[in-house]
mmCIF file of all heavy atoms, coordinates in Angstrom:
data_MODEL
# 
_entry.id   MODEL 
# 
loop_
_atom_site.group_PDB 
_atom_site.id 
_atom_site.type_symbol 
_atom_site.label_atom_id 
_atom_site.label_alt_id 
_atom_site.label_comp_id 
_atom_site.label_asym_id 
_atom_site.label_entity_id 
_atom_site.label_seq_id 
_atom_site.pdbx_PDB_ins_code 
_atom_site.Cartn_x 
_atom_site.Cartn_y 
_atom_site.Cartn_z 
_atom_site.occupancy 
_atom_site.B_iso_or_equiv 
_atom_site.pdbx_formal_charge 
_atom_site.auth_seq_id 
_atom_site.auth_comp_id 
_atom_site.auth_asym_id 
_atom_site.auth_atom_id 
_atom_site.pdbx_PDB_model_num 
ATOM 1   N N   . GLY A 1 1  ? 6.084   -2.569 1.564  1.00 0.00 ? 1  GLY A N   1 
ATOM 2   C CA  . GLY A 1 1  ? 6.027   -3.576 2.620  1.00 0.00 ? 1  GLY A CA  1 
ATOM 3   C C   . GLY A 1 1  ? 6.650   -3.041 3.893  1.00 0.00 ? 1  GLY A C   1 
ATOM 4   O O   . GLY A 1 1  ? 7.791   -3.351 4.217  1.00 0.00 ? 1  GLY A O   1 
ATOM 5   N N   . LEU A 1 2  ? 5.909   -2.234 4.636  1.00 0.00 ? 2  LEU A N   1 
ATOM 6   C CA  . LEU A 1 2  ? 6.467   -1.503 5.774  1.00 0.00 ? 2  LEU A CA  1 
ATOM 7   C C   . LEU A 1 2  ? 6.456   -2.282 7.079  1.00 0.00 ? 2  LEU A C   1 
ATOM 8   O O   . LEU A 1 2  ? 6.933   -1.792 8.094  1.00 0.00 ? 2  LEU A O   1 
ATOM 9   C CB  . LEU A 1 2  ? 5.696   -0.185 5.969  1.00 0.00 ? 2  LEU A CB  1 
ATOM 10  C CG  . LEU A 1 2  ? 5.652   0.752  4.760  1.00 0.00 ? 2  LEU A CG  1 
ATOM 11  C CD1 . LEU A 1 2  ? 4.926   2.032  5.122  1.00 0.00 ? 2  LEU A CD1 1 
ATOM 12  C CD2 . LEU A 1 2  ? 7.062   1.054  4.267  1.00 0.00 ? 2  LEU A CD2 1 
ATOM 13  N N   . GLY A 1 3  ? 5.903   -3.461 7.059  1.00 0.00 ? 3  GLY A N   1 
ATOM 14  C CA  . GLY A 1 3  ? 5.800   -4.224 8.297  1.00 0.00 ? 3  GLY A CA  1 
ATOM 15  C C   . GLY A 1 3  ? 4.347   -4.343 8.728  1.00 0.00 ? 3  GLY A C   1 
ATOM 16  O O   . GLY A 1 3  ? 3.473   -3.579 8.294  1.00 0.00 ? 3  GLY A O   1 
ATOM 17  N N   . THR A 1 4  ? 4.083   -5.264 9.608  1.00 0.00 ? 4  THR A N   1 
ATOM 18  C CA  . THR A 1 4  ? 2.711   -5.608 9.967  1.00 0.00 ? 4  THR A CA  1 
ATOM 19  C C   . THR A 1 4  ? 1.920   -4.415 10.499 1.00 0.00 ? 4  THR A C   1 
ATOM 20  O O   . THR A 1 4  ? 0.806   -4.134 10.052 1.00 0.00 ? 4  THR A O   1 
ATOM 21  C CB  . THR A 1 4  ? 2.701   -6.729 11.017 1.00 0.00 ? 4  THR A CB  1 
ATOM 22  O OG1 . THR A 1 4  ? 3.410   -7.861 10.505 1.00 0.00 ? 4  THR A OG1 1 
ATOM 23  C CG2 . THR A 1 4  ? 1.279   -7.132 11.365 1.00 0.00 ? 4  THR A CG2 1 
ATOM 24  N N   . VAL A 1 5  ? 2.484   -3.695 11.449 1.00 0.00 ? 5  VAL A N   1 
ATOM 25  C CA  . VAL A 1 5  ? 1.738   -2.600 12.090 1.00 0.00 ? 5  VAL A CA  1 
ATOM 26  C C   . VAL A 1 5  ? 1.530   -1.445 11.126 1.00 0.00 ? 5  VAL A C   1 
ATOM 27  O O   . VAL A 1 5  ? 0.407   -0.935 10.974 1.00 0.00 ? 5  VAL A O   1 
ATOM 28  C CB  . VAL A 1 5  ? 2.467   -2.124 13.363 1.00 0.00 ? 5  VAL A CB  1 
ATOM 29  C CG1 . VAL A 1 5  ? 1.734   -0.941 13.984 1.00 0.00 ? 5  VAL A CG1 1 
ATOM 30  C CG2 . VAL A 1 5  ? 2.581   -3.264 14.370 1.00 0.00 ? 5  VAL A CG2 1 
ATOM 31  N N   . ALA A 1 6  ? 2.598   -1.020 10.447 1.00 0.00 ? 6  ALA A N   1 
ATOM 32  C CA  . ALA A 1 6  ? 2.486   0.111  9.526  1.00 0.00 ? 6  ALA A CA  1 
ATOM 33  C C   . ALA A 1 6  ? 1.575   -0.225 8.349  1.00 0.00 ? 6  ALA A C   1 
ATOM 34  O O   . ALA A 1 6  ? 0.757   0.608  7.918  1.00 0.00 ? 6  ALA A O   1 
ATOM 35  C CB  . ALA A 1 6  ? 3.871   0.521  9.024  1.00 0.00 ? 6  ALA A CB  1 
ATOM 36  N N   . ASP A 1 7  ? 1.689   -1.424 7.831  1.00 0.00 ? 7  ASP A N   1 
ATOM 37  C CA  . ASP A 1 7  ? 0.821   -1.822 6.718  1.00 0.00 ? 7  ASP A CA  1 
ATOM 38  C C   . ASP A 1 7  ? -0.646  -1.857 7.151  1.00 0.00 ? 7  ASP A C   1 
ATOM 39  O O   . ASP A 1 7  ? -1.550  -1.521 6.368  1.00 0.00 ? 7  ASP A O   1 
ATOM 40  C CB  . ASP A 1 7  ? 1.231   -3.190 6.186  1.00 0.00 ? 7  ASP A CB  1 
ATOM 41  C CG  . ASP A 1 7  ? 2.508   -3.135 5.352  1.00 0.00 ? 7  ASP A CG  1 
ATOM 42  O OD1 . ASP A 1 7  ? 2.886   -2.017 4.928  1.00 0.00 ? 7  ASP A OD1 1 
ATOM 43  O OD2 . ASP A 1 7  ? 3.125   -4.191 5.134  1.00 0.00 ? 7  ASP A OD2 1 
ATOM 44  N N   . ALA A 1 8  ? -0.890  -2.235 8.397  1.00 0.00 ? 8  ALA A N   1 
ATOM 45  C CA  . ALA A 1 8  ? -2.267  -2.262 8.892  1.00 0.00 ? 8  ALA A CA  1 
ATOM 46  C C   . ALA A 1 8  ? -2.852  -0.849 8.939  1.00 0.00 ? 8  ALA A C   1 
ATOM 47  O O   . ALA A 1 8  ? -4.052  -0.652 8.672  1.00 0.00 ? 8  ALA A O   1 
ATOM 48  C CB  . ALA A 1 8  ? -2.323  -2.911 10.266 1.00 0.00 ? 8  ALA A CB  1 
ATOM 49  N N   . VAL A 1 9  ? -2.025  0.123  9.260  1.00 0.00 ? 9  VAL A N   1 
ATOM 50  C CA  . VAL A 1 9  ? -2.495  1.519  9.248  1.00 0.00 ? 9  VAL A CA  1 
ATOM 51  C C   . VAL A 1 9  ? -2.896  1.915  7.839  1.00 0.00 ? 9  VAL A C   1 
ATOM 52  O O   . VAL A 1 9  ? -3.980  2.465  7.604  1.00 0.00 ? 9  VAL A O   1 
ATOM 53  C CB  . VAL A 1 9  ? -1.410  2.466  9.785  1.00 0.00 ? 9  VAL A CB  1 
ATOM 54  C CG1 . VAL A 1 9  ? -1.845  3.924  9.606  1.00 0.00 ? 9  VAL A CG1 1 
ATOM 55  C CG2 . VAL A 1 9  ? -1.120  2.184  11.251 1.00 0.00 ? 9  VAL A CG2 1 
ATOM 56  N N   . LEU A 1 10 ? -2.028  1.638  6.885  1.00 0.00 ? 10 LEU A N   1 
ATOM 57  C CA  . LEU A 1 10 ? -2.319  2.016  5.505  1.00 0.00 ? 10 LEU A CA  1 
ATOM 58  C C   . LEU A 1 10 ? -3.533  1.280  4.966  1.00 0.00 ? 10 LEU A C   1 
ATOM 59  O O   . LEU A 1 10 ? -4.381  1.854  4.267  1.00 0.00 ? 10 LEU A O   1 
ATOM 60  C CB  . LEU A 1 10 ? -1.096  1.744  4.628  1.00 0.00 ? 10 LEU A CB  1 
ATOM 61  C CG  . LEU A 1 10 ? 0.167   2.536  4.972  1.00 0.00 ? 10 LEU A CG  1 
ATOM 62  C CD1 . LEU A 1 10 ? 1.313   2.145  4.051  1.00 0.00 ? 10 LEU A CD1 1 
ATOM 63  C CD2 . LEU A 1 10 ? -0.082  4.040  4.887  1.00 0.00 ? 10 LEU A CD2 1 
ATOM 64  N N   . ASP A 1 11 ? -3.644  -0.008 5.291  1.00 0.00 ? 11 ASP A N   1 
ATOM 65  C CA  . ASP A 1 11 ? -4.785  -0.792 4.831  1.00 0.00 ? 11 ASP A CA  1 
ATOM 66  C C   . ASP A 1 11 ? -6.085  -0.310 5.469  1.00 0.00 ? 11 ASP A C   1 
ATOM 67  O O   . ASP A 1 11 ? -7.173  -0.465 4.891  1.00 0.00 ? 11 ASP A O   1 
ATOM 68  C CB  . ASP A 1 11 ? -4.590  -2.272 5.150  1.00 0.00 ? 11 ASP A CB  1 
ATOM 69  C CG  . ASP A 1 11 ? -3.478  -2.905 4.312  1.00 0.00 ? 11 ASP A CG  1 
ATOM 70  O OD1 . ASP A 1 11 ? -3.114  -2.311 3.281  1.00 0.00 ? 11 ASP A OD1 1 
ATOM 71  O OD2 . ASP A 1 11 ? -2.972  -3.975 4.714  1.00 0.00 ? 11 ASP A OD2 1 
ATOM 72  N N   . GLY A 1 12 ? -5.987  0.236  6.669  1.00 0.00 ? 12 GLY A N   1 
ATOM 73  C CA  . GLY A 1 12 ? -7.182  0.679  7.382  1.00 0.00 ? 12 GLY A CA  1 
ATOM 74  C C   . GLY A 1 12 ? -7.768  1.982  6.876  1.00 0.00 ? 12 GLY A C   1 
ATOM 75  O O   . GLY A 1 12 ? -8.865  2.369  7.289  1.00 0.00 ? 12 GLY A O   1 
ATOM 76  N N   . LEU A 1 13 ? -7.046  2.679  6.015  1.00 0.00 ? 13 LEU A N   1 
ATOM 77  C CA  . LEU A 1 13 ? -7.551  3.935  5.466  1.00 0.00 ? 13 LEU A CA  1 
ATOM 78  C C   . LEU A 1 13 ? -8.679  3.637  4.481  1.00 0.00 ? 13 LEU A C   1 
ATOM 79  O O   . LEU A 1 13 ? -8.469  2.998  3.451  1.00 0.00 ? 13 LEU A O   1 
ATOM 80  C CB  . LEU A 1 13 ? -6.418  4.700  4.778  1.00 0.00 ? 13 LEU A CB  1 
ATOM 81  C CG  . LEU A 1 13 ? -5.283  5.171  5.698  1.00 0.00 ? 13 LEU A CG  1 
ATOM 82  C CD1 . LEU A 1 13 ? -4.122  5.714  4.892  1.00 0.00 ? 13 LEU A CD1 1 
ATOM 83  C CD2 . LEU A 1 13 ? -5.796  6.220  6.679  1.00 0.00 ? 13 LEU A CD2 1 
ATOM 84  N N   . SER A 1 14 ? -9.854  4.118  4.811  1.00 0.00 ? 14 SER A N   1 
ATOM 85  C CA  . SER A 1 14 ? -11.043 3.843  4.007  1.00 0.00 ? 14 SER A CA  1 
ATOM 86  C C   . SER A 1 14 ? -11.428 5.079  3.202  1.00 0.00 ? 14 SER A C   1 
ATOM 87  O O   . SER A 1 14 ? -11.573 6.168  3.772  1.00 0.00 ? 14 SER A O   1 
ATOM 88  C CB  . SER A 1 14 ? -12.210 3.444  4.923  1.00 0.00 ? 14 SER A CB  1 
ATOM 89  O OG  . SER A 1 14 ? -13.448 3.619  4.276  1.00 0.00 ? 14 SER A OG  1 
ATOM 90  N N   . PRO A 1 15 ? -11.615 4.939  1.890  1.00 0.00 ? 15 PRO A N   1 
ATOM 91  C CA  . PRO A 1 15 ? -12.044 6.097  1.084  1.00 0.00 ? 15 PRO A CA  1 
ATOM 92  C C   . PRO A 1 15 ? -13.327 6.736  1.601  1.00 0.00 ? 15 PRO A C   1 
ATOM 93  O O   . PRO A 1 15 ? -13.448 7.964  1.607  1.00 0.00 ? 15 PRO A O   1 
ATOM 94  C CB  . PRO A 1 15 ? -12.233 5.495  -0.317 1.00 0.00 ? 15 PRO A CB  1 
ATOM 95  C CG  . PRO A 1 15 ? -11.292 4.329  -0.345 1.00 0.00 ? 15 PRO A CG  1 
ATOM 96  C CD  . PRO A 1 15 ? -11.335 3.767  1.045  1.00 0.00 ? 15 PRO A CD  1 
ATOM 97  N N   . ASN A 1 16 ? -14.268 5.919  2.057  1.00 0.00 ? 16 ASN A N   1 
ATOM 98  C CA  . ASN A 1 16 ? -15.528 6.476  2.553  1.00 0.00 ? 16 ASN A CA  1 
ATOM 99  C C   . ASN A 1 16 ? -15.319 7.315  3.805  1.00 0.00 ? 16 ASN A C   1 
ATOM 100 O O   . ASN A 1 16 ? -15.877 8.415  3.944  1.00 0.00 ? 16 ASN A O   1 
ATOM 101 C CB  . ASN A 1 16 ? -16.530 5.351  2.839  1.00 0.00 ? 16 ASN A CB  1 
ATOM 102 C CG  . ASN A 1 16 ? -17.059 4.708  1.571  1.00 0.00 ? 16 ASN A CG  1 
ATOM 103 O OD1 . ASN A 1 16 ? -17.032 5.308  0.497  1.00 0.00 ? 16 ASN A OD1 1 
ATOM 104 N ND2 . ASN A 1 16 ? -17.543 3.478  1.694  1.00 0.00 ? 16 ASN A ND2 1 
ATOM 105 N N   . HIS A 1 17 ? -14.487 6.806  4.736  1.00 0.00 ? 17 HIS A N   1 
ATOM 106 C CA  . HIS A 1 17 ? -14.233 7.561  5.967  1.00 0.00 ? 17 HIS A CA  1 
ATOM 107 C C   . HIS A 1 17 ? -13.437 8.825  5.660  1.00 0.00 ? 17 HIS A C   1 
ATOM 108 O O   . HIS A 1 17 ? -13.718 9.895  6.213  1.00 0.00 ? 17 HIS A O   1 
ATOM 109 C CB  . HIS A 1 17 ? -13.480 6.693  6.973  1.00 0.00 ? 17 HIS A CB  1 
ATOM 110 C CG  . HIS A 1 17 ? -13.196 7.403  8.270  1.00 0.00 ? 17 HIS A CG  1 
ATOM 111 N ND1 . HIS A 1 17 ? -14.182 7.745  9.168  1.00 0.00 ? 17 HIS A ND1 1 
ATOM 112 C CD2 . HIS A 1 17 ? -12.028 7.855  8.804  1.00 0.00 ? 17 HIS A CD2 1 
ATOM 113 C CE1 . HIS A 1 17 ? -13.641 8.367  10.204 1.00 0.00 ? 17 HIS A CE1 1 
ATOM 114 N NE2 . HIS A 1 17 ? -12.329 8.437  10.012 1.00 0.00 ? 17 HIS A NE2 1 
ATOM 115 N N   . VAL A 1 18 ? -12.455 8.708  4.787  1.00 0.00 ? 18 VAL A N   1 
ATOM 116 C CA  . VAL A 1 18 ? -11.657 9.884  4.427  1.00 0.00 ? 18 VAL A CA  1 
ATOM 117 C C   . VAL A 1 18 ? -12.541 10.955 3.792  1.00 0.00 ? 18 VAL A C   1 
ATOM 118 O O   . VAL A 1 18 ? -12.453 12.145 4.132  1.00 0.00 ? 18 VAL A O   1 
ATOM 119 C CB  . VAL A 1 18 ? -10.513 9.480  3.471  1.00 0.00 ? 18 VAL A CB  1 
ATOM 120 C CG1 . VAL A 1 18 ? -9.847  10.717 2.878  1.00 0.00 ? 18 VAL A CG1 1 
ATOM 121 C CG2 . VAL A 1 18 ? -9.484  8.632  4.214  1.00 0.00 ? 18 VAL A CG2 1 
ATOM 122 N N   . ARG A 1 19 ? -13.411 10.559 2.891  1.00 0.00 ? 19 ARG A N   1 
ATOM 123 C CA  . ARG A 1 19 ? -14.316 11.529 2.265  1.00 0.00 ? 19 ARG A CA  1 
ATOM 124 C C   . ARG A 1 19 ? -15.246 12.163 3.300  1.00 0.00 ? 19 ARG A C   1 
ATOM 125 O O   . ARG A 1 19 ? -15.556 13.360 3.218  1.00 0.00 ? 19 ARG A O   1 
ATOM 126 C CB  . ARG A 1 19 ? -15.137 10.847 1.175  1.00 0.00 ? 19 ARG A CB  1 
ATOM 127 C CG  . ARG A 1 19 ? -14.341 10.507 -0.077 1.00 0.00 ? 19 ARG A CG  1 
ATOM 128 C CD  . ARG A 1 19 ? -15.207 9.802  -1.102 1.00 0.00 ? 19 ARG A CD  1 
ATOM 129 N NE  . ARG A 1 19 ? -14.442 9.406  -2.268 1.00 0.00 ? 19 ARG A NE  1 
ATOM 130 C CZ  . ARG A 1 19 ? -14.176 10.203 -3.296 1.00 0.00 ? 19 ARG A CZ  1 
ATOM 131 N NH1 . ARG A 1 19 ? -14.630 11.451 -3.286 1.00 0.00 ? 19 ARG A NH1 1 
ATOM 132 N NH2 . ARG A 1 19 ? -13.464 9.777  -4.317 1.00 0.00 ? 19 ARG A NH2 1 
ATOM 133 N N   . ALA A 1 20 ? -15.669 11.375 4.269  1.00 0.00 ? 20 ALA A N   1 
ATOM 134 C CA  . ALA A 1 20 ? -16.562 11.910 5.302  1.00 0.00 ? 20 ALA A CA  1 
ATOM 135 C C   . ALA A 1 20 ? -15.849 12.963 6.156  1.00 0.00 ? 20 ALA A C   1 
ATOM 136 O O   . ALA A 1 20 ? -16.427 14.007 6.487  1.00 0.00 ? 20 ALA A O   1 
ATOM 137 C CB  . ALA A 1 20 ? -17.083 10.773 6.180  1.00 0.00 ? 20 ALA A CB  1 
ATOM 138 N N   . VAL A 1 21 ? -14.588 12.692 6.508  1.00 0.00 ? 21 VAL A N   1 
ATOM 139 C CA  . VAL A 1 21 ? -13.822 13.660 7.288  1.00 0.00 ? 21 VAL A CA  1 
ATOM 140 C C   . VAL A 1 21 ? -13.600 14.929 6.479  1.00 0.00 ? 21 VAL A C   1 
ATOM 141 O O   . VAL A 1 21 ? -13.770 16.056 6.981  1.00 0.00 ? 21 VAL A O   1 
ATOM 142 C CB  . VAL A 1 21 ? -12.479 13.058 7.743  1.00 0.00 ? 21 VAL A CB  1 
ATOM 143 C CG1 . VAL A 1 21 ? -11.592 14.128 8.373  1.00 0.00 ? 21 VAL A CG1 1 
ATOM 144 C CG2 . VAL A 1 21 ? -12.712 11.917 8.731  1.00 0.00 ? 21 VAL A CG2 1 
ATOM 145 N N   . VAL A 1 22 ? -13.233 14.778 5.222  1.00 0.00 ? 22 VAL A N   1 
ATOM 146 C CA  . VAL A 1 22 ? -13.003 15.943 4.359  1.00 0.00 ? 22 VAL A CA  1 
ATOM 147 C C   . VAL A 1 22 ? -14.286 16.755 4.204  1.00 0.00 ? 22 VAL A C   1 
ATOM 148 O O   . VAL A 1 22 ? -14.266 17.995 4.221  1.00 0.00 ? 22 VAL A O   1 
ATOM 149 C CB  . VAL A 1 22 ? -12.471 15.492 2.983  1.00 0.00 ? 22 VAL A CB  1 
ATOM 150 C CG1 . VAL A 1 22 ? -12.443 16.659 2.006  1.00 0.00 ? 22 VAL A CG1 1 
ATOM 151 C CG2 . VAL A 1 22 ? -11.071 14.899 3.131  1.00 0.00 ? 22 VAL A CG2 1 
ATOM 152 N N   . ALA A 1 23 ? -15.417 16.069 4.069  1.00 0.00 ? 23 ALA A N   1 
ATOM 153 C CA  . ALA A 1 23 ? -16.693 16.779 3.936  1.00 0.00 ? 23 ALA A CA  1 
ATOM 154 C C   . ALA A 1 23 ? -16.993 17.600 5.186  1.00 0.00 ? 23 ALA A C   1 
ATOM 155 O O   . ALA A 1 23 ? -17.501 18.731 5.099  1.00 0.00 ? 23 ALA A O   1 
ATOM 156 C CB  . ALA A 1 23 ? -17.812 15.780 3.673  1.00 0.00 ? 23 ALA A CB  1 
ATOM 157 N N   . ARG A 1 24 ? -16.664 17.067 6.364  1.00 0.00 ? 24 ARG A N   1 
ATOM 158 C CA  . ARG A 1 24 ? -16.887 17.817 7.606  1.00 0.00 ? 24 ARG A CA  1 
ATOM 159 C C   . ARG A 1 24 ? -15.981 19.031 7.684  1.00 0.00 ? 24 ARG A C   1 
ATOM 160 O O   . ARG A 1 24 ? -16.388 20.101 8.156  1.00 0.00 ? 24 ARG A O   1 
ATOM 161 C CB  . ARG A 1 24 ? -16.662 16.895 8.810  1.00 0.00 ? 24 ARG A CB  1 
ATOM 162 C CG  . ARG A 1 24 ? -17.709 15.800 8.933  1.00 0.00 ? 24 ARG A CG  1 
ATOM 163 C CD  . ARG A 1 24 ? -17.341 14.785 9.998  1.00 0.00 ? 24 ARG A CD  1 
ATOM 164 N NE  . ARG A 1 24 ? -17.388 15.371 11.332 1.00 0.00 ? 24 ARG A NE  1 
ATOM 165 C CZ  . ARG A 1 24 ? -17.070 14.696 12.440 1.00 0.00 ? 24 ARG A CZ  1 
ATOM 166 N NH1 . ARG A 1 24 ? -16.661 13.429 12.351 1.00 0.00 ? 24 ARG A NH1 1 
ATOM 167 N NH2 . ARG A 1 24 ? -17.145 15.281 13.619 1.00 0.00 ? 24 ARG A NH2 1 
# 
């Protein structure tokens, strides 16, 4: 529970986007 802003960053991490960046 890191707080509203920090938690929003963590929640915003999408497996699909992360995989796309790694693939590039």
